Amino acid sequence: MSADPTEPVRVVVYAKPGCHLCEDAIALVAQVCAETGTSWREVDISGDAELMRTYGEQIPVTFVDGRQHDFWRVDPERLRAALGA
């Protein structure tokens, strides 16, 4: 995750607890972002009714630079390409 709170976060993963696909996606995002020095964060949608309505059937949903990148699964090569790595 981003070490500097003033640094813009490039990758966001919408997820919820108990979701095995979310756990897999978060692990891959963390790995790729560590390799590339990219900031990222996880958003738990379970406490937000609007996020649950929007993303509940697609989680995990990955955004890169504010645009939806993937859902359900993360392809590490595709993520690296989107990050310019």
Protein backbone atom coordinates (compact mmCIF):
# COMPACT_ATOMS: atom_id res chain seq x y z
CA MET A 1 0.00 0.00 0.00
CA SER A 2 1.03 3.59 -0.34
CA ALA A 3 3.64 4.52 2.26
CA ASP A 4 3.12 8.27 1.73
CA PRO A 5 -0.48 9.40 2.36
CA THR A 6 0.05 12.45 0.10
CA GLU A 7 1.09 10.24 -2.84
CA PRO A 8 -1.70 9.56 -5.33
CA VAL A 9 -2.80 5.94 -5.30
CA ARG A 10 -2.59 4.40 -8.77
CA VAL A 11 -4.22 1.01 -8.10
CA VAL A 12 -7.40 0.42 -6.10
CA VAL A 13 -8.91 -3.01 -5.41
CA TYR A 14 -12.58 -3.14 -4.39
CA ALA A 15 -13.08 -6.29 -2.32
CA LYS A 16 -14.85 -7.74 0.71
CA PRO A 17 -13.83 -10.07 3.53
CA GLY A 18 -14.26 -13.80 2.96
CA CYS A 19 -13.89 -13.54 -0.81
CA HIS A 20 -11.21 -15.97 -2.06
CA LEU A 21 -10.97 -14.27 -5.45
CA CYS A 22 -10.40 -10.99 -3.59
CA GLU A 23 -7.59 -12.52 -1.55
CA ASP A 24 -5.94 -13.82 -4.73
CA ALA A 25 -6.31 -10.46 -6.49
CA ILE A 26 -4.95 -8.51 -3.53
CA ALA A 27 -1.91 -10.78 -3.33
CA LEU A 28 -1.19 -10.30 -7.05
CA VAL A 29 -1.74 -6.54 -6.91
CA ALA A 30 0.53 -6.27 -3.87
CA GLN A 31 3.24 -8.28 -5.63
CA VAL A 32 3.09 -6.33 -8.91
CA CYS A 33 2.92 -2.97 -7.12
CA ALA A 34 5.90 -3.88 -4.92
CA GLU A 35 7.87 -4.85 -8.04
CA THR A 36 6.99 -1.63 -9.83
CA GLY A 37 7.03 0.75 -6.87
CA THR A 38 3.38 1.59 -7.48
CA SER A 39 1.04 2.77 -4.74
CA TRP A 40 -2.16 0.82 -4.14
CA ARG A 41 -4.95 0.35 -1.64
CA GLU A 42 -7.81 -1.99 -0.88
CA VAL A 43 -11.38 -0.75 -0.38
CA ASP A 44 -13.69 -2.97 1.66
CA ILE A 45 -17.10 -2.61 0.01
CA SER A 46 -18.98 -4.64 2.62
CA GLY A 47 -19.85 -1.62 4.76
CA ASP A 48 -21.04 0.59 1.91
CA ALA A 49 -24.44 -0.15 0.37
CA GLU A 50 -23.72 1.86 -2.79
CA LEU A 51 -20.41 0.10 -3.43
CA MET A 52 -22.09 -3.27 -2.79
CA ARG A 53 -24.78 -2.43 -5.36
CA THR A 54 -22.21 -1.26 -7.88
CA TYR A 55 -19.48 -3.89 -7.47
CA GLY A 56 -20.94 -6.70 -5.36
CA GLU A 57 -21.34 -9.13 -8.27
CA GLN A 58 -17.97 -8.32 -9.86
CA ILE A 59 -15.53 -8.32 -6.95
CA PRO A 60 -12.70 -8.08 -6.85
CA VAL A 61 -12.70 -5.04 -9.11
CA THR A 62 -9.36 -3.42 -9.90
CA PHE A 63 -8.93 0.20 -10.96
CA VAL A 64 -5.75 1.71 -12.40
CA ASP A 65 -5.42 5.49 -12.47
CA GLY A 66 -9.12 5.89 -11.73
CA ARG A 67 -10.37 3.63 -14.53
CA GLN A 68 -11.72 0.10 -14.19
CA HIS A 69 -9.03 -2.32 -15.24
CA ASP A 70 -10.24 -5.84 -14.31
CA PHE A 71 -12.82 -7.74 -12.32
CA TRP A 72 -12.94 -11.24 -10.81
CA ARG A 73 -9.30 -12.02 -11.64
CA VAL A 74 -6.11 -10.01 -12.00
CA ASP A 75 -3.73 -10.81 -14.83
CA PRO A 76 -0.30 -9.75 -13.53
CA GLU A 77 1.13 -9.17 -17.02
CA ARG A 78 -1.82 -7.01 -18.02
CA LEU A 79 -1.48 -5.04 -14.76
CA ARG A 80 2.25 -4.52 -15.34
CA ALA A 81 1.49 -3.25 -18.85
CA ALA A 82 -1.15 -0.84 -17.53
CA LEU A 83 1.41 0.47 -15.04
CA GLY A 84 3.99 0.95 -17.77
CA ALA A 85 6.32 -1.65 -16.28
